[in-house]
Protein backbone atom coordinates (compact mmCIF):
# COMPACT_ATOMS: atom_id res chain seq x y z
CA MET A 1 -19.29 89.10 36.48
CA LYS A 2 -21.55 92.08 37.17
CA ARG A 3 -22.69 90.45 40.41
CA ILE A 4 -19.12 90.40 41.69
CA LEU A 5 -17.63 93.62 40.25
CA GLY A 6 -20.71 95.79 39.88
CA GLU A 7 -21.47 98.03 36.94
CA PRO A 8 -18.73 98.02 34.30
CA SER A 9 -16.95 101.15 33.09
CA ILE A 10 -17.83 100.15 29.51
CA ALA A 11 -20.43 97.60 28.41
CA THR A 12 -21.25 96.40 24.91
CA PRO A 13 -23.17 93.27 23.89
CA GLY A 14 -19.93 91.28 23.59
CA LYS A 15 -17.61 93.02 26.04
CA LEU A 16 -17.37 94.28 29.62
CA VAL A 17 -14.56 96.57 30.73
CA TYR A 18 -13.79 97.56 34.31
CA TYR A 19 -11.27 100.24 35.20
CA PHE A 20 -10.39 101.15 38.78
CA ASP A 21 -8.06 103.75 40.29
CA TYR A 22 -7.09 103.34 43.92
CA ARG A 23 -4.73 104.51 46.62
CA LYS A 24 -3.51 102.19 49.35
CA LYS A 25 -1.40 102.71 52.42
CA SER A 26 1.96 100.92 52.30
CA THR A 27 2.25 98.02 54.74
CA PRO A 28 5.03 97.94 57.33
CA LYS A 29 6.63 95.04 55.44
CA GLU A 30 6.59 96.99 52.15
CA LEU A 31 8.13 100.01 53.87
CA VAL A 32 10.98 97.90 55.28
CA GLU A 33 11.77 96.53 51.81
CA LEU A 34 11.52 99.96 50.19
CA ARG A 35 13.72 101.51 52.86
CA LYS A 36 16.50 99.01 52.04
CA LYS A 37 16.41 100.15 48.41
CA MET A 38 16.09 103.86 49.20
CA SER A 39 18.63 104.21 51.98
CA ASP A 40 19.91 107.53 50.62
CA MET A 41 16.62 109.35 51.37
CA ASN A 42 16.11 111.12 54.66
CA ASP A 43 13.15 109.99 56.81
CA GLU A 44 10.92 112.93 55.90
CA GLU A 45 11.44 112.48 52.17
CA PHE A 46 10.96 108.71 52.42
CA ALA A 47 7.68 109.06 54.36
CA LYS A 48 6.37 111.61 51.85
CA ASN A 49 7.14 109.44 48.83
CA PHE A 50 6.28 105.95 50.06
CA LYS A 51 3.45 106.28 52.59
CA PHE A 52 0.91 105.46 49.86
CA ALA A 53 0.92 103.61 46.55
CA ASP A 54 -1.34 104.71 43.71
CA GLY A 55 -2.66 101.98 41.48
CA GLU A 56 -4.96 101.05 38.70
CA ALA A 57 -6.60 97.83 37.63
CA TYR A 58 -8.10 96.92 34.26
CA ILE A 59 -10.33 93.96 33.52
CA GLU A 60 -11.72 93.16 30.08
CA ALA A 61 -14.04 90.24 29.41
CA ARG A 62 -15.26 89.32 25.93
CA PHE A 63 -18.09 86.96 25.16
CA ALA A 64 -19.16 84.89 22.15
CA SER A 65 -22.39 82.90 22.10
CA GLY A 66 -22.98 83.85 25.73
CA LYS A 67 -19.68 82.31 26.89
CA LEU A 68 -16.50 83.96 28.07
CA ASN A 69 -13.84 83.59 25.37
CA TYR A 70 -11.29 86.25 26.39
CA LEU A 71 -10.21 87.66 29.74
CA ALA A 72 -7.50 90.27 30.33
CA ILE A 73 -6.49 91.51 33.75
CA SER A 74 -3.76 94.01 34.54
CA LYS A 75 -2.71 95.89 37.64
CA SER A 76 -0.02 98.45 38.25
CA GLU A 77 1.13 100.43 41.26
CA THR A 78 3.43 103.39 41.61
CA TYR A 79 4.79 105.33 44.55
């Protein structure tokens, strides 16, 4: 796992935790869909609020006897 994701945010003998914050630019397709839902906003307000999405990802892997026995992955994004 370390080879793929790099150094974990938290590492113990039986657990690795990775936590990432990110910001991504909204795709044209996402903007079209969002615009349908937010038709009451003017163009300036819409661009300000939806140009980027902020997100976070969390990965937790637990090990017993050298084998993976638990894996949790979550991701969330907000505008």
